[in-house]
Protein backbone atom coordinates (compact mmCIF):
# COMPACT_ATOMS: atom_id res chain seq x y z
CA MET A 1 92.07 72.00 103.39
CA GLN A 2 94.30 71.50 105.89
CA TYR A 3 93.14 69.91 109.07
CA ALA A 4 94.71 69.95 112.78
CA VAL A 5 94.50 66.07 114.31
CA LYS A 6 95.19 65.43 117.51
CA ALA A 7 96.28 61.73 118.02
CA LEU A 8 97.86 59.21 120.25
CA ARG A 9 100.61 56.79 119.19
CA ARG A 10 102.58 54.65 121.88
CA ASP A 11 101.20 56.72 124.85
CA GLN A 12 102.58 60.13 123.13
CA ALA A 13 100.37 62.89 122.36
CA ALA A 14 100.78 64.65 118.65
CA THR A 15 99.25 67.20 116.29
CA LEU A 16 99.44 66.48 112.64
CA LEU A 17 98.43 69.19 110.08
CA LEU A 18 96.99 67.16 107.27
CA GLU A 19 95.80 68.16 103.88
CA ALA A 20 92.29 66.39 103.48
CA ARG A 21 88.89 66.77 101.94
CA ASP A 22 87.11 67.02 104.85
CA PRO A 23 87.42 65.82 108.95
CA SER A 24 86.96 61.85 107.88
CA ASP A 25 89.73 61.93 105.26
CA ALA A 26 91.74 63.31 107.78
CA ARG A 27 90.74 61.01 110.37
CA ARG A 28 91.49 58.29 107.91
CA GLN A 29 94.88 59.64 106.93
CA ALA A 30 96.28 59.76 110.76
CA GLU A 31 94.86 56.44 111.30
CA GLU A 32 96.99 54.97 108.52
CA GLN A 33 99.82 56.30 109.91
CA GLY A 34 99.26 54.40 112.99
CA PHE A 35 97.76 57.03 115.16
CA SER A 36 94.60 56.68 117.31
CA VAL A 37 92.87 60.38 116.56
CA ILE A 38 91.56 62.20 119.47
CA GLY A 39 90.21 65.24 117.86
CA VAL A 40 90.09 67.16 114.09
CA ARG A 41 89.75 70.70 113.71
CA VAL A 42 90.12 73.01 110.79
CA GLY A 43 93.72 74.30 110.95
CA SER A 44 94.35 78.08 111.09
CA GLY A 45 94.78 79.68 107.89
CA GLY A 46 93.15 77.13 105.98
CA GLY A 47 95.96 76.29 103.89
CA LEU A 48 99.48 74.51 103.51
CA ARG A 49 101.69 75.93 106.19
CA LEU A 50 105.10 76.91 105.01
CA GLY A 51 107.19 77.34 108.79
CA ARG A 52 106.00 80.20 110.26
CA HIS A 53 103.08 79.15 112.19
CA SER A 54 104.78 77.82 115.51
CA GLY A 55 106.94 80.64 116.26
CA PHE A 56 110.10 77.53 115.85
CA PRO A 57 112.45 79.24 113.62
CA LEU A 58 112.78 76.84 110.68
CA ILE A 59 114.68 78.61 108.44
CA GLN A 60 117.24 79.50 110.99
CA PHE A 61 117.56 75.77 111.76
CA ASN A 62 117.50 74.54 108.55
CA GLN A 63 120.81 77.00 107.77
CA SER A 64 122.41 76.01 111.11
CA LEU A 65 121.95 72.37 110.66
CA LEU A 66 122.96 72.29 106.86
CA THR A 67 126.31 73.75 108.13
CA LEU A 68 127.00 71.42 110.92
CA LEU A 69 126.34 68.47 108.33
CA GLN A 70 128.55 69.55 105.85
CA ALA A 71 131.28 70.33 108.09
CA GLY A 72 131.13 66.55 108.99
CA LEU A 73 129.08 66.21 111.92
CA SER A 74 126.25 63.27 112.21
CA LEU A 75 122.41 64.57 112.43
CA VAL A 76 122.58 63.52 116.24
CA GLU A 77 125.59 65.24 116.81
CA SER A 78 124.26 68.59 114.94
CA ILE A 79 120.63 68.72 116.83
CA GLU A 80 122.89 68.07 120.23
CA ALA A 81 124.88 71.26 119.37
CA LEU A 82 121.91 73.22 118.27
CA ALA A 83 120.27 72.20 121.45
CA GLU A 84 123.14 73.52 123.59
CA ARG A 85 123.58 76.69 121.74
CA GLU A 86 119.73 77.42 122.02
CA SER A 87 118.65 79.92 124.66
CA ARG A 88 114.71 80.15 123.81
CA GLY A 89 112.85 77.43 126.19
CA ASP A 90 110.45 76.55 123.53
CA VAL A 91 112.75 75.82 120.83
CA LYS A 92 114.74 74.06 123.14
CA GLN A 93 112.22 71.97 124.11
CA THR A 94 111.20 70.83 120.48
CA LEU A 95 115.11 70.10 119.61
CA ARG A 96 115.66 67.78 122.95
CA THR A 97 112.01 66.11 121.78
CA LEU A 98 113.57 65.62 118.16
CA LEU A 99 116.99 63.96 120.02
CA GLU A 100 114.87 61.77 121.99
CA ARG A 101 112.85 60.36 119.03
CA LEU A 102 116.44 60.12 117.31
CA TYR A 103 117.74 58.45 120.36
CA GLU A 104 114.83 55.98 120.07
CA GLY A 105 116.06 54.62 116.58
CA GLN A 106 113.60 56.40 114.89
CA ASN A 107 114.55 58.73 111.68
CA PHE A 108 114.27 62.06 111.01
CA SER A 109 111.43 62.23 109.29
CA LYS A 110 109.16 60.18 111.87
CA ALA A 111 110.92 62.43 114.62
CA LEU A 112 109.65 65.38 112.58
CA GLU A 113 105.89 64.09 111.80
CA LEU A 114 105.27 63.71 115.53
CA GLN A 115 105.80 67.00 116.16
CA GLY A 116 103.35 68.00 113.49
CA ALA A 117 102.30 71.15 115.11
CA VAL A 118 106.05 72.78 114.88
CA PHE A 119 107.11 71.12 111.36
CA PRO A 120 104.94 71.80 108.47
CA ALA A 121 103.72 68.97 106.22
CA LEU A 122 105.78 70.05 103.28
CA TYR A 123 109.01 70.07 105.09
CA ILE A 124 108.24 66.83 106.62
CA ALA A 125 107.50 65.27 102.87
CA THR A 126 110.57 67.41 101.56
CA VAL A 127 113.05 65.37 104.29
CA ARG A 128 111.04 61.55 103.96
CA ALA A 129 111.70 62.08 100.28
CA ASN A 130 115.30 62.13 100.67
CA GLU A 131 116.86 60.43 103.29
CA THR A 132 115.93 57.34 101.96
CA THR A 133 118.85 57.96 99.50
CA GLY A 134 121.23 59.87 101.83
CA GLY A 135 120.37 63.06 100.53
CA LEU A 136 119.70 64.63 103.54
CA GLU A 137 121.85 67.70 102.89
CA GLU A 138 120.22 67.99 99.44
CA ALA A 139 116.54 68.50 101.13
CA LEU A 140 117.36 70.92 103.50
CA GLU A 141 119.49 73.06 100.68
CA ARG A 142 116.12 72.70 98.44
CA PHE A 143 113.61 73.62 101.15
CA ILE A 144 115.58 76.91 102.10
CA HIS A 145 116.11 77.81 98.29
CA TYR A 146 112.29 77.02 98.43
CA ARG A 147 111.48 79.41 101.50
CA ASN A 148 113.57 82.15 100.06
CA GLN A 149 111.84 82.15 96.90
CA ILE A 150 108.78 82.60 98.39
CA ASP A 151 109.77 84.97 100.47
CA LEU A 152 111.06 86.88 97.86
CA VAL A 153 107.69 87.32 95.91
CA ARG A 154 106.12 88.22 98.87
CA LYS A 155 108.77 90.53 100.17
CA ARG A 156 108.09 92.57 96.57
CA VAL A 157 104.04 92.53 97.24
CA VAL A 158 104.65 94.11 100.70
CA ALA A 159 107.35 96.93 99.51
CA ALA A 160 104.93 97.68 96.77
CA SER A 161 101.88 98.15 99.14
CA VAL A 162 103.77 99.94 101.64
CA TYR A 163 103.53 103.50 99.51
CA PRO A 164 100.08 103.20 98.69
CA LEU A 165 98.94 101.76 102.33
CA LEU A 166 101.02 105.17 103.60
CA ILE A 167 99.64 107.40 100.97
CA LEU A 168 95.84 106.11 101.69
CA GLY A 169 96.49 106.13 105.93
CA VAL A 170 97.75 109.96 105.90
CA GLY A 171 94.92 110.57 103.33
CA SER A 172 92.42 108.64 105.62
CA LEU A 173 93.58 110.40 108.87
CA VAL A 174 93.05 114.06 106.97
CA ILE A 175 89.45 113.17 105.61
CA LEU A 176 88.63 111.94 109.35
CA PHE A 177 90.14 115.15 111.21
CA LEU A 178 87.86 117.35 108.48
CA LEU A 179 85.05 115.36 109.32
CA LEU A 180 85.05 114.54 112.76
CA TYR A 181 86.93 117.88 114.28
CA VAL A 182 86.31 120.78 111.63
CA VAL A 183 83.49 120.35 110.14
CA PRO A 184 81.50 120.16 113.37
CA ARG A 185 82.74 123.71 114.40
CA PHE A 186 81.81 124.92 111.12
CA SER A 187 78.21 123.65 111.23
CA VAL A 188 78.03 125.61 114.80
CA VAL A 189 78.71 128.90 113.14
CA PHE A 190 76.54 128.30 109.94
CA GLU A 191 73.55 126.66 111.99
CA ASP A 192 71.53 130.17 111.94
CA LEU A 193 71.68 131.07 108.14
CA GLY A 194 68.87 128.55 107.82
CA ASP A 195 67.78 128.38 104.12
CA LYS A 196 70.80 130.01 102.85
CA ILE A 197 73.34 126.81 102.87
CA PRO A 198 73.04 125.05 99.83
CA ASP A 199 71.83 121.52 100.01
CA MET A 200 75.04 119.18 99.81
CA SER A 201 76.46 121.61 102.45
CA ARG A 202 73.64 121.12 104.95
CA LEU A 203 74.19 117.85 104.77
CA LEU A 204 77.54 117.84 105.48
CA LEU A 205 77.08 120.30 108.42
CA ASN A 206 74.02 117.90 109.32
CA TRP A 207 76.74 115.45 109.66
CA GLY A 208 78.92 117.88 111.77
CA ARG A 209 76.12 118.52 114.33
CA PHE A 210 75.97 114.75 114.82
CA VAL A 211 79.67 114.63 115.35
CA HIS A 212 79.22 117.35 117.88
CA GLU A 213 76.67 115.83 120.10
CA GLN A 214 77.45 112.20 119.82
CA TRP A 215 81.33 112.52 119.49
CA ALA A 216 81.67 109.58 121.92
CA ALA A 217 79.62 107.01 119.90
CA VAL A 218 81.58 108.14 116.60
CA LEU A 219 84.70 107.95 118.44
CA ALA A 220 83.80 104.29 119.50
CA ALA A 221 82.88 103.23 116.15
CA CYS A 222 85.79 104.85 114.72
CA LEU A 223 88.07 102.46 116.69
CA ALA A 224 85.77 99.40 116.80
CA LEU A 225 85.74 99.48 112.62
CA PRO A 226 89.83 98.49 112.54
CA VAL A 227 89.37 95.90 115.33
CA LEU A 228 86.30 93.97 113.55
CA ALA A 229 88.03 94.04 110.63
CA ALA A 230 90.96 92.65 111.55
CA ILE A 231 89.15 89.83 113.49
CA LEU A 232 87.08 88.98 110.16
CA ALA A 233 90.10 88.86 108.16
CA GLY A 234 91.51 86.36 110.40
CA ARG A 235 88.32 84.09 109.59
CA PRO A 236 89.02 81.31 106.79
CA LEU A 237 85.30 81.82 105.52
CA VAL A 238 85.80 85.39 105.20
CA ARG A 239 89.17 85.32 103.35
CA ALA A 240 87.76 82.78 101.08
CA ARG A 241 85.25 85.23 100.11
CA VAL A 242 87.27 88.01 99.57
CA SER A 243 89.20 85.76 97.38
CA ARG A 244 86.76 84.56 95.47
CA VAL A 245 85.66 88.35 94.98
CA ILE A 246 88.66 89.42 93.98
CA MET A 247 89.18 86.67 91.59
CA ARG A 248 85.98 87.46 89.99
CA LEU A 249 87.77 91.32 89.15
CA PRO A 250 88.93 91.12 85.51
CA ARG A 251 92.44 92.38 85.99
CA MET A 252 93.19 91.69 89.92
CA GLY A 253 91.77 88.52 89.85
CA GLU A 254 94.43 87.44 87.09
CA TYR A 255 97.09 88.65 88.80
CA LEU A 256 96.11 87.02 91.97
CA ARG A 257 95.86 83.87 89.91
CA ILE A 258 98.83 84.10 88.49
CA TYR A 259 100.34 84.72 92.06
CA GLN A 260 98.79 81.67 93.31
CA LEU A 261 99.69 79.43 90.30
CA ALA A 262 103.63 80.61 90.97
CA ARG A 263 103.47 79.04 94.56
CA PHE A 264 101.72 76.23 93.35
CA TYR A 265 104.24 75.07 90.61
CA ARG A 266 107.23 75.74 92.75
CA THR A 267 106.11 73.82 95.97
CA LEU A 268 105.13 70.84 93.42
CA GLY A 269 108.34 71.10 91.53
CA MET A 270 110.24 71.06 94.83
CA LEU A 271 108.19 68.02 95.79
CA LEU A 272 108.43 66.19 92.13
CA ARG A 273 112.61 67.03 92.40
CA GLY A 274 112.22 65.20 96.06
CA GLY A 275 111.22 62.00 94.34
CA ILE A 276 107.41 62.57 95.75
CA PRO A 277 105.05 60.93 92.95
CA ILE A 278 102.76 63.28 91.36
CA VAL A 279 99.41 62.48 92.80
CA PRO A 280 100.79 62.48 96.28
CA ALA A 281 102.06 65.96 95.56
CA LEU A 282 99.20 67.44 94.38
CA ASP A 283 97.41 65.97 97.59
CA MET A 284 99.88 67.89 99.49
CA VAL A 285 99.46 71.13 97.70
CA VAL A 286 96.12 71.68 97.45
CA GLY A 287 96.19 74.25 100.02
CA LEU A 288 97.88 76.38 98.26
CA LEU A 289 95.53 76.79 95.69
CA PRO A 290 92.50 79.18 96.66
CA PRO A 291 88.91 77.22 97.34
CA ALA A 292 87.53 78.41 94.12
CA MET A 293 90.38 76.62 92.43
CA HIS A 294 90.11 73.06 94.57
CA PRO A 295 87.51 71.63 91.97
CA GLN A 296 89.63 72.27 88.88
CA LEU A 297 92.65 70.83 90.71
CA GLU A 298 90.39 67.69 92.13
CA ALA A 299 89.56 67.38 88.23
CA ALA A 300 93.26 67.42 87.02
CA ARG A 301 93.67 64.84 90.06
CA THR A 302 91.44 62.41 89.00
CA GLN A 303 92.56 62.81 85.07
CA ILE A 304 96.27 62.00 85.91
CA ARG A 305 94.94 59.06 88.17
CA GLN A 306 93.20 58.06 84.95
CA GLY A 307 96.61 58.13 82.63
CA GLN A 308 96.00 61.84 81.46
CA SER A 309 99.12 63.42 81.11
CA LEU A 310 99.82 66.65 83.77
CA SER A 311 100.32 69.18 80.93
CA LEU A 312 97.08 68.39 79.34
CA ALA A 313 95.09 67.81 82.63
CA PHE A 314 96.07 71.30 84.01
CA ASP A 315 95.49 72.74 80.24
CA LEU A 316 91.82 71.19 80.64
CA ASN A 317 91.41 72.77 83.93
CA GLY A 318 92.71 76.15 83.58
CA LEU A 319 95.78 75.47 86.09
CA SER A 320 98.24 77.07 82.86
CA ASN A 321 98.80 79.46 80.75
CA PRO A 322 100.27 78.84 77.26
CA VAL A 323 103.77 79.51 78.22
CA ALA A 324 103.27 77.17 81.01
CA LEU A 325 101.79 74.46 79.05
CA ARG A 326 104.80 74.22 76.35
CA MET A 327 107.50 74.44 79.48
CA LEU A 328 105.44 71.65 80.98
CA ARG A 329 105.19 69.43 77.80
CA VAL A 330 108.94 69.55 77.58
CA GLY A 331 109.32 68.88 81.11
CA GLU A 332 107.28 65.55 80.15
CA ARG A 333 109.40 64.90 77.08
CA THR A 334 112.76 65.25 78.86
CA GLY A 335 111.74 63.82 82.15
CA GLN A 336 112.77 67.24 84.31
CA MET A 337 109.20 67.47 85.23
CA GLY A 338 110.01 68.85 88.79
CA GLU A 339 112.91 71.58 87.71
CA MET A 340 110.53 72.85 84.54
CA MET A 341 107.80 73.22 86.95
CA GLU A 342 110.33 75.34 89.14
CA ARG A 343 111.29 77.33 85.98
CA VAL A 344 107.49 77.73 85.40
CA ALA A 345 107.24 79.06 88.65
CA GLY A 346 110.09 81.61 87.87
CA PHE A 347 108.36 82.75 84.99
CA LEU A 348 105.16 83.56 86.50
CA ASP A 349 106.91 85.76 89.36
CA GLU A 350 108.59 87.88 86.15
CA ASP A 351 104.59 88.59 85.34
CA ILE A 352 103.94 89.27 88.92
CA ALA A 353 107.20 91.73 88.91
CA GLN A 354 105.62 93.10 86.11
CA ALA A 355 101.85 93.44 87.57
CA ILE A 356 103.68 95.17 90.94
CA ASP A 357 105.55 97.96 88.85
CA TRP A 358 102.31 98.47 86.81
CA PHE A 359 100.35 99.04 89.52
CA ILE A 360 102.60 101.24 91.55
CA ARG A 361 102.71 103.58 88.67
CA LEU A 362 99.39 103.68 87.64
CA PHE A 363 97.64 103.48 91.35
CA GLU A 364 99.71 105.61 93.39
CA PRO A 365 98.91 108.53 91.19
CA LEU A 366 95.10 108.12 91.21
CA LEU A 367 95.02 106.99 94.85
CA MET A 368 96.82 110.72 95.30
CA ILE A 369 93.93 112.06 93.14
CA ALA A 370 91.22 110.71 94.96
CA ILE A 371 92.32 111.51 98.09
CA GLY A 372 92.83 115.00 96.87
CA ILE A 373 89.48 115.15 95.23
CA ILE A 374 87.75 114.00 98.54
CA ILE A 375 89.26 116.59 100.78
CA GLY A 376 88.80 119.48 98.02
CA VAL A 377 85.01 118.86 98.07
CA ILE A 378 84.69 118.59 101.77
CA VAL A 379 86.67 122.01 101.98
CA LEU A 380 84.42 123.35 98.99
CA LEU A 381 81.35 122.44 100.72
CA MET A 382 82.56 123.63 104.06
CA TYR A 383 82.96 127.33 102.59
CA ALA A 384 80.20 127.21 100.14
CA PRO A 385 77.92 129.03 102.99
CA ILE A 386 80.50 131.61 102.95
CA PHE A 387 80.42 132.22 99.18
CA GLU A 388 76.55 131.61 99.56
CA LEU A 389 76.32 134.58 101.91
CA ALA A 390 79.09 137.15 100.01
CA GLY A 391 76.39 136.70 97.23
CA SER A 392 73.63 137.69 98.65
CA ILE A 393 75.17 140.72 100.69
CA GLN A 394 76.33 141.82 97.30
């Protein structure tokens, strides 16, 4: 889990985002880095942050910085140029703070670390692993490529969700219009028919009569439910429980697991290619897996510390599939484990793309049929008293 640690060092405050097992572990990590801890709290989102959290345009900053470094400017000159160009006050202040740390003689990763509330731990670790060898440009390129791949998968998921959500939204509005406007008026028309109304129609018309009498309370409830759902969705515990429920679903759970593993492998591969040892890298990426998989990762990490091969540890703890296992074994034989993990992530991404395509082809027609059936049943129940009355007259 990720913790936000407020701390002091050399009379300067900083907020660190640390992956830790518990608050005590987060405090210990901060103190080992030379900080005096003020307070520890659970980081928002409960997982590894990838740079979208502070409002700081991390990808734009990386791309501009990389361009200036490749043009021959030094690191300090590049950040000075970016600070002079920046018009947003908070971003400009962040860049000026970076410059102050660099003027003091601190290296780039340490300057980033002192602004842990702005720069994610993954980014800081990538820079730290490469700056000692003079490979800062390579680290920036690798992080930009990594973020682009993560965003590509996210865009696929979002694009696949737009049309079904649009259908669901329009269908829900039509159903609400029938239940909240049309049915109450039908209930007033049919209230004198008494026992001549079929039982199911009577239930529907009773609902209409209730809405007609208590329309303000019903409207307030309809407006409050989305707000309540949004608040609950922002709570880590609620998201964790929803994730556990989805993970238990036969098909959906497996695809969610593949998505989590793809992100996990891609991040771990980037860290290994940056020169970070496997055990510290595993400590950093634990937040990318859902809480239900944390015990599996902890068991795999323990086995790796004890000398077990990474491929076997992942296989024994359900962190791979047959294809990923074979690719990891090849990576161990060739010594290119970081690159092989990124290839595993690409393979898993293809599985996700196929699942999204299958989802679109199957779910959209089923959703349209379901909404059509619901609307049809409501309309049929509204007109059933008329059919009943016509039959009795005949």
